[in-house]
Amino acid sequence: MAKTTEYNLSKKIINLLESKGHSLEEISKAAELSKSSICRIKKGERSLTLSRLKTIASNLKVPIPVLLWGAINSLPYPQELEQQHQDLKAALDKSKSIRKMLDCL
């Protein structure tokens, strides 16, 4: 199960970058991997290491949490985790509201 999740998350990160307008060639350059390696990740045959994720984030100037959040939000949640997911989303929305209020001070 862990490998499947790891591969799905890696695939979702690549798909997220593509949906934001990055070509596979741009992603491969940012990851410092061959285009065929990126295609294998996209097919779920390979996964990104944390080190490679840091490289992508650094080269594309996208924070790792943004990449992970975008990818995770596109993954289906197991039914038993749905309530925790909803609670986390509510807490994050609340923290954004609090942050906006603090920015006004």
PDB file of N, CA and C in Angstrom:
ATOM      1  N   MET A   1       0.812  -1.200   0.000  1.00  0.00           N
ATOM      2  CA  MET A   1       0.000   0.000   0.000  1.00  0.00           C
ATOM      3  C   MET A   1       0.855   1.265   0.000  1.00  0.00           C
ATOM      4  N   ALA A   2       1.939   1.283   0.783  1.00  0.00           N
ATOM      5  CA  ALA A   2       2.774   2.477   0.866  1.00  0.00           C
ATOM      6  C   ALA A   2       3.383   2.824  -0.483  1.00  0.00           C
ATOM      7  N   LYS A   3       3.877   1.818  -1.203  1.00  0.00           N
ATOM      8  CA  LYS A   3       4.463   2.071  -2.512  1.00  0.00           C
ATOM      9  C   LYS A   3       3.426   2.643  -3.463  1.00  0.00           C
ATOM     10  N   THR A   4       2.215   2.070  -3.446  1.00  0.00           N
ATOM     11  CA  THR A   4       1.157   2.557  -4.320  1.00  0.00           C
ATOM     12  C   THR A   4       0.856   4.026  -4.018  1.00  0.00           C
ATOM     13  N   THR A   5       0.752   4.377  -2.753  1.00  0.00           N
ATOM     14  CA  THR A   5       0.488   5.762  -2.364  1.00  0.00           C
ATOM     15  C   THR A   5       1.627   6.662  -2.801  1.00  0.00           C
ATOM     16  N   GLU A   6       2.856   6.195  -2.604  1.00  0.00           N
ATOM     17  CA  GLU A   6       4.036   6.960  -3.001  1.00  0.00           C
ATOM     18  C   GLU A   6       4.031   7.218  -4.500  1.00  0.00           C
ATOM     19  N   TYR A   7       3.729   6.178  -5.276  1.00  0.00           N
ATOM     20  CA  TYR A   7       3.689   6.329  -6.727  1.00  0.00           C
ATOM     21  C   TYR A   7       2.546   7.239  -7.150  1.00  0.00           C
ATOM     22  N   ASN A   8       1.370   7.092  -6.508  1.00  0.00           N
ATOM     23  CA  ASN A   8       0.234   7.947  -6.840  1.00  0.00           C
ATOM     24  C   ASN A   8       0.535   9.408  -6.523  1.00  0.00           C
ATOM     25  N   LEU A   9       1.167   9.669  -5.385  1.00  0.00           N
ATOM     26  CA  LEU A   9       1.498  11.034  -5.014  1.00  0.00           C
ATOM     27  C   LEU A   9       2.484  11.629  -6.012  1.00  0.00           C
ATOM     28  N   SER A  10       3.489  10.871  -6.400  1.00  0.00           N
ATOM     29  CA  SER A  10       4.460  11.345  -7.377  1.00  0.00           C
ATOM     30  C   SER A  10       3.779  11.667  -8.703  1.00  0.00           C
ATOM     31  N   LYS A  11       2.899  10.766  -9.119  1.00  0.00           N
ATOM     32  CA  LYS A  11       2.164  10.961 -10.363  1.00  0.00           C
ATOM     33  C   LYS A  11       1.300  12.216 -10.274  1.00  0.00           C
ATOM     34  N   LYS A  12       0.653  12.413  -9.144  1.00  0.00           N
ATOM     35  CA  LYS A  12      -0.210  13.578  -8.955  1.00  0.00           C
ATOM     36  C   LYS A  12       0.594  14.878  -8.972  1.00  0.00           C
ATOM     37  N   ILE A  13       1.810  14.847  -8.447  1.00  0.00           N
ATOM     38  CA  ILE A  13       2.662  16.041  -8.470  1.00  0.00           C
ATOM     39  C   ILE A  13       3.000  16.402  -9.914  1.00  0.00           C
ATOM     40  N   ILE A  14       3.354  15.409 -10.720  1.00  0.00           N
ATOM     41  CA  ILE A  14       3.653  15.668 -12.131  1.00  0.00           C
ATOM     42  C   ILE A  14       2.410  16.195 -12.842  1.00  0.00           C
ATOM     43  N   ASN A  15       1.262  15.570 -12.601  1.00  0.00           N
ATOM     44  CA  ASN A  15       0.013  16.028 -13.221  1.00  0.00           C
ATOM     45  C   ASN A  15      -0.338  17.451 -12.789  1.00  0.00           C
ATOM     46  N   LEU A  16      -0.106  17.754 -11.510  1.00  0.00           N
ATOM     47  CA  LEU A  16      -0.367  19.102 -11.001  1.00  0.00           C
ATOM     48  C   LEU A  16       0.493  20.132 -11.736  1.00  0.00           C
ATOM     49  N   LEU A  17       1.775  19.824 -11.891  1.00  0.00           N
ATOM     50  CA  LEU A  17       2.681  20.748 -12.587  1.00  0.00           C
ATOM     51  C   LEU A  17       2.244  20.945 -14.037  1.00  0.00           C
ATOM     52  N   GLU A  18       1.830  19.856 -14.675  1.00  0.00           N
ATOM     53  CA  GLU A  18       1.338  19.976 -16.052  1.00  0.00           C
ATOM     54  C   GLU A  18       0.074  20.838 -16.100  1.00  0.00           C
ATOM     55  N   SER A  19      -0.806  20.655 -15.137  1.00  0.00           N
ATOM     56  CA  SER A  19      -2.055  21.436 -15.128  1.00  0.00           C
ATOM     57  C   SER A  19      -1.775  22.919 -14.905  1.00  0.00           C
ATOM     58  N   LYS A  20      -0.621  23.228 -14.327  1.00  0.00           N
ATOM     59  CA  LYS A  20      -0.234  24.626 -14.113  1.00  0.00           C
ATOM     60  C   LYS A  20       0.560  25.181 -15.295  1.00  0.00           C
ATOM     61  N   GLY A  21       0.633  24.399 -16.378  1.00  0.00           N
ATOM     62  CA  GLY A  21       1.246  24.903 -17.602  1.00  0.00           C
ATOM     63  C   GLY A  21       2.678  24.479 -17.868  1.00  0.00           C
ATOM     64  N   HIS A  22       3.243  23.646 -17.015  1.00  0.00           N
ATOM     65  CA  HIS A  22       4.620  23.183 -17.239  1.00  0.00           C
ATOM     66  C   HIS A  22       4.603  21.975 -18.177  1.00  0.00           C
ATOM     67  N   SER A  23       5.470  22.000 -19.166  1.00  0.00           N
ATOM     68  CA  SER A  23       5.578  20.860 -20.075  1.00  0.00           C
ATOM     69  C   SER A  23       6.406  19.758 -19.407  1.00  0.00           C
ATOM     70  N   LEU A  24       6.323  18.549 -19.963  1.00  0.00           N
ATOM     71  CA  LEU A  24       7.140  17.449 -19.422  1.00  0.00           C
ATOM     72  C   LEU A  24       8.623  17.786 -19.539  1.00  0.00           C
ATOM     73  N   GLU A  25       8.983  18.484 -20.580  1.00  0.00           N
ATOM     74  CA  GLU A  25      10.385  18.880 -20.754  1.00  0.00           C
ATOM     75  C   GLU A  25      10.812  19.852 -19.648  1.00  0.00           C
ATOM     76  N   GLU A  26       9.961  20.835 -19.336  1.00  0.00           N
ATOM     77  CA  GLU A  26      10.272  21.774 -18.249  1.00  0.00           C
ATOM     78  C   GLU A  26      10.361  21.049 -16.906  1.00  0.00           C
ATOM     79  N   ILE A  27       9.438  20.123 -16.692  1.00  0.00           N
ATOM     80  CA  ILE A  27       9.445  19.373 -15.432  1.00  0.00           C
ATOM     81  C   ILE A  27      10.699  18.516 -15.330  1.00  0.00           C
ATOM     82  N   SER A  28      11.086  17.886 -16.441  1.00  0.00           N
ATOM     83  CA  SER A  28      12.284  17.040 -16.413  1.00  0.00           C
ATOM     84  C   SER A  28      13.537  17.879 -16.141  1.00  0.00           C
ATOM     85  N   LYS A  29      13.594  19.071 -16.711  1.00  0.00           N
ATOM     86  CA  LYS A  29      14.737  19.956 -16.439  1.00  0.00           C
ATOM     87  C   LYS A  29      14.741  20.390 -14.976  1.00  0.00           C
ATOM     88  N   ALA A  30      13.563  20.744 -14.461  1.00  0.00           N
ATOM     89  CA  ALA A  30      13.466  21.171 -13.063  1.00  0.00           C
ATOM     90  C   ALA A  30      13.837  20.038 -12.110  1.00  0.00           C
ATOM     91  N   ALA A  31      13.471  18.810 -12.474  1.00  0.00           N
ATOM     92  CA  ALA A  31      13.762  17.644 -11.632  1.00  0.00           C
ATOM     93  C   ALA A  31      15.175  17.121 -11.842  1.00  0.00           C
ATOM     94  N   GLU A  32      15.820  17.626 -12.894  1.00  0.00           N
ATOM     95  CA  GLU A  32      17.149  17.133 -13.283  1.00  0.00           C
ATOM     96  C   GLU A  32      17.100  15.635 -13.552  1.00  0.00           C
ATOM     97  N   LEU A  33      16.031  15.236 -14.259  1.00  0.00           N
ATOM     98  CA  LEU A  33      15.815  13.853 -14.691  1.00  0.00           C
ATOM     99  C   LEU A  33      15.537  13.854 -16.187  1.00  0.00           C
ATOM    100  N   SER A  34      15.671  12.699 -16.804  1.00  0.00           N
ATOM    101  CA  SER A  34      15.326  12.597 -18.217  1.00  0.00           C
ATOM    102  C   SER A  34      13.818  12.679 -18.391  1.00  0.00           C
ATOM    103  N   LYS A  35      13.414  13.050 -19.586  1.00  0.00           N
ATOM    104  CA  LYS A  35      11.979  13.115 -19.885  1.00  0.00           C
ATOM    105  C   LYS A  35      11.348  11.727 -19.755  1.00  0.00           C
ATOM    106  N   SER A  36      12.093  10.684 -20.111  1.00  0.00           N
ATOM    107  CA  SER A  36      11.553   9.324 -19.988  1.00  0.00           C
ATOM    108  C   SER A  36      11.339   8.954 -18.517  1.00  0.00           C
ATOM    109  N   SER A  37      12.201   9.437 -17.626  1.00  0.00           N
ATOM    110  CA  SER A  37      12.009   9.188 -16.187  1.00  0.00           C
ATOM    111  C   SER A  37      10.739   9.870 -15.697  1.00  0.00           C
ATOM    112  N   ILE A  38      10.499  11.084 -16.159  1.00  0.00           N
ATOM    113  CA  ILE A  38       9.280  11.799 -15.772  1.00  0.00           C
ATOM    114  C   ILE A  38       8.054  11.058 -16.307  1.00  0.00           C
ATOM    115  N   CYS A  39       8.141  10.547 -17.523  1.00  0.00           N
ATOM    116  CA  CYS A  39       7.031   9.769 -18.089  1.00  0.00           C
ATOM    117  C   CYS A  39       6.774   8.510 -17.260  1.00  0.00           C
ATOM    118  N   ARG A  40       7.827   7.873 -16.776  1.00  0.00           N
ATOM    119  CA  ARG A  40       7.662   6.683 -15.933  1.00  0.00           C
ATOM    120  C   ARG A  40       7.011   7.041 -14.600  1.00  0.00           C
ATOM    121  N   ILE A  41       7.345   8.200 -14.070  1.00  0.00           N
ATOM    122  CA  ILE A  41       6.709   8.665 -12.840  1.00  0.00           C
ATOM    123  C   ILE A  41       5.228   8.914 -13.111  1.00  0.00           C
ATOM    124  N   LYS A  42       4.961   9.548 -14.240  1.00  0.00           N
ATOM    125  CA  LYS A  42       3.580   9.859 -14.606  1.00  0.00           C
ATOM    126  C   LYS A  42       2.739   8.595 -14.802  1.00  0.00           C
ATOM    127  N   LYS A  43       3.376   7.526 -15.257  1.00  0.00           N
ATOM    128  CA  LYS A  43       2.679   6.245 -15.450  1.00  0.00           C
ATOM    129  C   LYS A  43       2.563   5.453 -14.151  1.00  0.00           C
ATOM    130  N   GLY A  44       3.220   5.926 -13.096  1.00  0.00           N
ATOM    131  CA  GLY A  44       3.167   5.218 -11.819  1.00  0.00           C
ATOM    132  C   GLY A  44       4.177   4.088 -11.724  1.00  0.00           C
ATOM    133  N   GLU A  45       5.182   4.105 -12.582  1.00  0.00           N
ATOM    134  CA  GLU A  45       6.210   3.062 -12.575  1.00  0.00           C
ATOM    135  C   GLU A  45       7.406   3.445 -11.720  1.00  0.00           C
ATOM    136  N   ARG A  46       7.464   4.680 -11.318  1.00  0.00           N
ATOM    137  CA  ARG A  46       8.594   5.200 -10.551  1.00  0.00           C
ATOM    138  C   ARG A  46       8.050   6.289  -9.641  1.00  0.00           C
ATOM    139  N   SER A  47       8.768   6.597  -8.574  1.00  0.00           N
ATOM    140  CA  SER A  47       8.312   7.663  -7.678  1.00  0.00           C
ATOM    141  C   SER A  47       9.409   8.708  -7.491  1.00  0.00           C
ATOM    142  N   LEU A  48       8.990   9.860  -7.004  1.00  0.00           N
ATOM    143  CA  LEU A  48       9.932  10.933  -6.698  1.00  0.00           C
ATOM    144  C   LEU A  48      10.503  10.731  -5.302  1.00  0.00           C
ATOM    145  N   THR A  49      11.793  10.950  -5.149  1.00  0.00           N
ATOM    146  CA  THR A  49      12.381  10.962  -3.811  1.00  0.00           C
ATOM    147  C   THR A  49      12.159  12.343  -3.212  1.00  0.00           C
ATOM    148  N   LEU A  50      12.310  12.452  -1.913  1.00  0.00           N
ATOM    149  CA  LEU A  50      12.184  13.754  -1.265  1.00  0.00           C
ATOM    150  C   LEU A  50      13.250  14.712  -1.798  1.00  0.00           C
ATOM    151  N   SER A  51      14.431  14.202  -2.025  1.00  0.00           N
ATOM    152  CA  SER A  51      15.508  15.024  -2.571  1.00  0.00           C
ATOM    153  C   SER A  51      15.128  15.575  -3.942  1.00  0.00           C
ATOM    154  N   ARG A  52      14.519  14.736  -4.772  1.00  0.00           N
ATOM    155  CA  ARG A  52      14.114  15.157  -6.122  1.00  0.00           C
ATOM    156  C   ARG A  52      12.976  16.169  -6.033  1.00  0.00           C
ATOM    157  N   LEU A  53      12.070  15.958  -5.080  1.00  0.00           N
ATOM    158  CA  LEU A  53      10.975  16.898  -4.875  1.00  0.00           C
ATOM    159  C   LEU A  53      11.520  18.268  -4.467  1.00  0.00           C
ATOM    160  N   LYS A  54      12.539  18.274  -3.605  1.00  0.00           N
ATOM    161  CA  LYS A  54      13.180  19.527  -3.206  1.00  0.00           C
ATOM    162  C   LYS A  54      13.821  20.211  -4.413  1.00  0.00           C
ATOM    163  N   THR A  55      14.423  19.429  -5.294  1.00  0.00           N
ATOM    164  CA  THR A  55      15.046  19.979  -6.496  1.00  0.00           C
ATOM    165  C   THR A  55      13.998  20.632  -7.392  1.00  0.00           C
ATOM    166  N   ILE A  56      12.889  19.927  -7.601  1.00  0.00           N
ATOM    167  CA  ILE A  56      11.798  20.476  -8.426  1.00  0.00           C
ATOM    168  C   ILE A  56      11.282  21.775  -7.817  1.00  0.00           C
ATOM    169  N   ALA A  57      11.005  21.737  -6.518  1.00  0.00           N
ATOM    170  CA  ALA A  57      10.462  22.910  -5.831  1.00  0.00           C
ATOM    171  C   ALA A  57      11.423  24.099  -5.946  1.00  0.00           C
ATOM    172  N   SER A  58      12.685  23.834  -5.747  1.00  0.00           N
ATOM    173  CA  SER A  58      13.690  24.896  -5.816  1.00  0.00           C
ATOM    174  C   SER A  58      13.795  25.464  -7.231  1.00  0.00           C
ATOM    175  N   ASN A  59      13.894  24.590  -8.214  1.00  0.00           N
ATOM    176  CA  ASN A  59      14.067  25.049  -9.593  1.00  0.00           C
ATOM    177  C   ASN A  59      12.836  25.736 -10.163  1.00  0.00           C
ATOM    178  N   LEU A  60      11.650  25.332  -9.727  1.00  0.00           N
ATOM    179  CA  LEU A  60      10.418  25.968 -10.214  1.00  0.00           C
ATOM    180  C   LEU A  60       9.941  27.086  -9.289  1.00  0.00           C
ATOM    181  N   LYS A  61      10.663  27.250  -8.169  1.00  0.00           N
ATOM    182  CA  LYS A  61      10.322  28.270  -7.176  1.00  0.00           C
ATOM    183  C   LYS A  61       8.880  28.101  -6.672  1.00  0.00           C
ATOM    184  N   VAL A  62       8.563  26.853  -6.359  1.00  0.00           N
ATOM    185  CA  VAL A  62       7.267  26.492  -5.796  1.00  0.00           C
ATOM    186  C   VAL A  62       7.547  25.796  -4.474  1.00  0.00           C
ATOM    187  N   PRO A  63       6.999  26.285  -3.377  1.00  0.00           N
ATOM    188  CA  PRO A  63       7.251  25.638  -2.079  1.00  0.00           C
ATOM    189  C   PRO A  63       6.755  24.182  -2.063  1.00  0.00           C
ATOM    190  N   ILE A  64       7.516  23.322  -1.419  1.00  0.00           N
ATOM    191  CA  ILE A  64       7.138  21.908  -1.314  1.00  0.00           C
ATOM    192  C   ILE A  64       5.730  21.745  -0.752  1.00  0.00           C
ATOM    193  N   PRO A  65       5.351  22.477   0.298  1.00  0.00           N
ATOM    194  CA  PRO A  65       3.974  22.294   0.796  1.00  0.00           C
ATOM    195  C   PRO A  65       2.903  22.583  -0.254  1.00  0.00           C
ATOM    196  N   VAL A  66       3.172  23.526  -1.135  1.00  0.00           N
ATOM    197  CA  VAL A  66       2.205  23.830  -2.202  1.00  0.00           C
ATOM    198  C   VAL A  66       2.081  22.641  -3.146  1.00  0.00           C
ATOM    199  N   LEU A  67       3.215  22.047  -3.503  1.00  0.00           N
ATOM    200  CA  LEU A  67       3.184  20.864  -4.369  1.00  0.00           C
ATOM    201  C   LEU A  67       2.442  19.711  -3.701  1.00  0.00           C
ATOM    202  N   LEU A  68       2.772  19.469  -2.445  1.00  0.00           N
ATOM    203  CA  LEU A  68       2.133  18.362  -1.734  1.00  0.00           C
ATOM    204  C   LEU A  68       0.642  18.609  -1.523  1.00  0.00           C
ATOM    205  N   TRP A  69       0.290  19.825  -1.142  1.00  0.00           N
ATOM    206  CA  TRP A  69      -1.118  20.140  -0.902  1.00  0.00           C
ATOM    207  C   TRP A  69      -1.932  19.974  -2.186  1.00  0.00           C
ATOM    208  N   GLY A  70      -1.406  20.477  -3.285  1.00  0.00           N
ATOM    209  CA  GLY A  70      -2.113  20.341  -4.553  1.00  0.00           C
ATOM    210  C   GLY A  70      -2.270  18.888  -4.963  1.00  0.00           C
ATOM    211  N   ALA A  71      -1.228  18.110  -4.767  1.00  0.00           N
ATOM    212  CA  ALA A  71      -1.277  16.691  -5.139  1.00  0.00           C
ATOM    213  C   ALA A  71      -2.194  15.913  -4.205  1.00  0.00           C
ATOM    214  N   ILE A  72      -2.099  16.165  -2.922  1.00  0.00           N
ATOM    215  CA  ILE A  72      -2.912  15.433  -1.954  1.00  0.00           C
ATOM    216  C   ILE A  72      -4.393  15.736  -2.147  1.00  0.00           C
ATOM    217  N   ASN A  73      -4.712  16.974  -2.447  1.00  0.00           N
ATOM    218  CA  ASN A  73      -6.119  17.331  -2.628  1.00  0.00           C
ATOM    219  C   ASN A  73      -6.737  16.655  -3.839  1.00  0.00           C
ATOM    220  N   SER A  74      -5.914  16.153  -4.739  1.00  0.00           N
ATOM    221  CA  SER A  74      -6.467  15.480  -5.913  1.00  0.00           C
ATOM    222  C   SER A  74      -6.528  13.958  -5.734  1.00  0.00           C
ATOM    223  N   LEU A  75      -6.036  13.462  -4.597  1.00  0.00           N
ATOM    224  CA  LEU A  75      -6.098  12.026  -4.326  1.00  0.00           C
ATOM    225  C   LEU A  75      -7.391  11.680  -3.594  1.00  0.00           C
ATOM    226  N   PRO A  76      -7.961  10.524  -3.890  1.00  0.00           N
ATOM    227  CA  PRO A  76      -9.140  10.119  -3.118  1.00  0.00           C
ATOM    228  C   PRO A  76      -8.725   9.724  -1.701  1.00  0.00           C
ATOM    229  N   TYR A  77      -9.560  10.065  -0.728  1.00  0.00           N
ATOM    230  CA  TYR A  77      -9.275   9.717   0.653  1.00  0.00           C
ATOM    231  C   TYR A  77     -10.005   8.440   1.018  1.00  0.00           C
ATOM    232  N   PRO A  78      -9.333   7.551   1.739  1.00  0.00           N
ATOM    233  CA  PRO A  78     -10.048   6.370   2.235  1.00  0.00           C
ATOM    234  C   PRO A  78     -11.213   6.827   3.111  1.00  0.00           C
ATOM    235  N   GLN A  79     -12.305   6.126   3.045  1.00  0.00           N
ATOM    236  CA  GLN A  79     -13.518   6.501   3.779  1.00  0.00           C
ATOM    237  C   GLN A  79     -13.248   6.757   5.257  1.00  0.00           C
ATOM    238  N   GLU A  80     -12.396   5.925   5.874  1.00  0.00           N
ATOM    239  CA  GLU A  80     -12.151   6.070   7.314  1.00  0.00           C
ATOM    240  C   GLU A  80     -11.363   7.344   7.649  1.00  0.00           C
ATOM    241  N   LEU A  81     -10.746   7.987   6.649  1.00  0.00           N
ATOM    242  CA  LEU A  81      -9.996   9.216   6.895  1.00  0.00           C
ATOM    243  C   LEU A  81     -10.753  10.466   6.451  1.00  0.00           C
ATOM    244  N   GLU A  82     -11.920  10.293   5.889  1.00  0.00           N
ATOM    245  CA  GLU A  82     -12.663  11.430   5.342  1.00  0.00           C
ATOM    246  C   GLU A  82     -12.953  12.486   6.407  1.00  0.00           C
ATOM    247  N   GLN A  83     -13.366  12.075   7.606  1.00  0.00           N
ATOM    248  CA  GLN A  83     -13.678  13.056   8.654  1.00  0.00           C
ATOM    249  C   GLN A  83     -12.433  13.843   9.058  1.00  0.00           C
ATOM    250  N   GLN A  84     -11.298  13.154   9.205  1.00  0.00           N
ATOM    251  CA  GLN A  84     -10.056  13.853   9.544  1.00  0.00           C
ATOM    252  C   GLN A  84      -9.684  14.841   8.444  1.00  0.00           C
ATOM    253  N   HIS A  85      -9.900  14.437   7.202  1.00  0.00           N
ATOM    254  CA  HIS A  85      -9.609  15.319   6.061  1.00  0.00           C
ATOM    255  C   HIS A  85     -10.480  16.580   6.126  1.00  0.00           C
ATOM    256  N   GLN A  86     -11.764  16.401   6.380  1.00  0.00           N
ATOM    257  CA  GLN A  86     -12.684  17.539   6.474  1.00  0.00           C
ATOM    258  C   GLN A  86     -12.298  18.444   7.655  1.00  0.00           C
ATOM    259  N   ASP A  87     -11.928  17.846   8.789  1.00  0.00           N
ATOM    260  CA  ASP A  87     -11.515  18.623   9.958  1.00  0.00           C
ATOM    261  C   ASP A  87     -10.253  19.437   9.655  1.00  0.00           C
ATOM    262  N   LEU A  88      -9.306  18.819   8.966  1.00  0.00           N
ATOM    263  CA  LEU A  88      -8.071  19.512   8.604  1.00  0.00           C
ATOM    264  C   LEU A  88      -8.357  20.674   7.657  1.00  0.00           C
ATOM    265  N   LYS A  89      -9.195  20.439   6.666  1.00  0.00           N
ATOM    266  CA  LYS A  89      -9.547  21.517   5.733  1.00  0.00           C
ATOM    267  C   LYS A  89     -10.216  22.671   6.473  1.00  0.00           C
ATOM    268  N   ALA A  90     -11.114  22.356   7.410  1.00  0.00           N
ATOM    269  CA  ALA A  90     -11.791  23.395   8.183  1.00  0.00           C
ATOM    270  C   ALA A  90     -10.788  24.182   9.030  1.00  0.00           C
ATOM    271  N   ALA A  91      -9.845  23.480   9.646  1.00  0.00           N
ATOM    272  CA  ALA A  91      -8.826  24.141  10.466  1.00  0.00           C
ATOM    273  C   ALA A  91      -7.951  25.048   9.612  1.00  0.00           C
ATOM    274  N   LEU A  92      -7.582  24.582   8.422  1.00  0.00           N
ATOM    275  CA  LEU A  92      -6.759  25.401   7.531  1.00  0.00           C
ATOM    276  C   LEU A  92      -7.525  26.628   7.049  1.00  0.00           C
ATOM    277  N   ASP A  93      -8.786  26.457   6.729  1.00  0.00           N
ATOM    278  CA  ASP A  93      -9.602  27.601   6.321  1.00  0.00           C
ATOM    279  C   ASP A  93      -9.697  28.619   7.456  1.00  0.00           C
ATOM    280  N   LYS A  94      -9.871  28.125   8.676  1.00  0.00           N
ATOM    281  CA  LYS A  94      -9.955  29.007   9.840  1.00  0.00           C
ATOM    282  C   LYS A  94      -8.629  29.738  10.045  1.00  0.00           C
ATOM    283  N   SER A  95      -7.516  29.021   9.890  1.00  0.00           N
ATOM    284  CA  SER A  95      -6.207  29.654  10.093  1.00  0.00           C
ATOM    285  C   SER A  95      -5.956  30.719   9.030  1.00  0.00           C
ATOM    286  N   LYS A  96      -6.469  30.510   7.815  1.00  0.00           N
ATOM    287  CA  LYS A  96      -6.327  31.519   6.763  1.00  0.00           C
ATOM    288  C   LYS A  96      -7.087  32.780   7.153  1.00  0.00           C
ATOM    289  N   SER A  97      -8.280  32.611   7.720  1.00  0.00           N
ATOM    290  CA  SER A  97      -9.077  33.754   8.154  1.00  0.00           C
ATOM    291  C   SER A  97      -8.369  34.507   9.273  1.00  0.00           C
ATOM    292  N   ILE A  98      -7.806  33.758  10.210  1.00  0.00           N
ATOM    293  CA  ILE A  98      -7.078  34.377  11.316  1.00  0.00           C
ATOM    294  C   ILE A  98      -5.856  35.115  10.775  1.00  0.00           C
ATOM    295  N   ARG A  99      -5.139  34.491   9.834  1.00  0.00           N
ATOM    296  CA  ARG A  99      -3.955  35.125   9.253  1.00  0.00           C
ATOM    297  C   ARG A  99      -4.332  36.425   8.551  1.00  0.00           C
ATOM    298  N   LYS A 100      -5.463  36.423   7.835  1.00  0.00           N
ATOM    299  CA  LYS A 100      -5.921  37.643   7.148  1.00  0.00           C
ATOM    300  C   LYS A 100      -6.223  38.738   8.165  1.00  0.00           C
ATOM    301  N   MET A 101      -6.856  38.362   9.274  1.00  0.00           N
ATOM    302  CA  MET A 101      -7.174  39.354  10.300  1.00  0.00           C
ATOM    303  C   MET A 101      -5.892  39.914  10.911  1.00  0.00           C
ATOM    304  N   LEU A 102      -4.904  39.050  11.151  1.00  0.00           N
ATOM    305  CA  LEU A 102      -3.648  39.519  11.731  1.00  0.00           C
ATOM    306  C   LEU A 102      -2.885  40.410  10.764  1.00  0.00           C
ATOM    307  N   ASP A 103      -2.989  40.125   9.473  1.00  0.00           N
ATOM    308  CA  ASP A 103      -2.324  40.965   8.480  1.00  0.00           C
ATOM    309  C   ASP A 103      -2.891  42.382   8.458  1.00  0.00           C
ATOM    310  N   CYS A 104      -4.140  42.516   8.869  1.00  0.00           N
ATOM    311  CA  CYS A 104      -4.788  43.830   8.876  1.00  0.00           C
ATOM    312  C   CYS A 104      -4.351  44.678  10.053  1.00  0.00           C
ATOM    313  N   LEU A 105      -3.756  44.064  11.062  1.00  0.00           N
ATOM    314  CA  LEU A 105      -3.365  44.818  12.271  1.00  0.00           C
ATOM    315  C   LEU A 105      -2.138  45.672  12.027  1.00  0.00           C
TER     316      LEU A 105
END
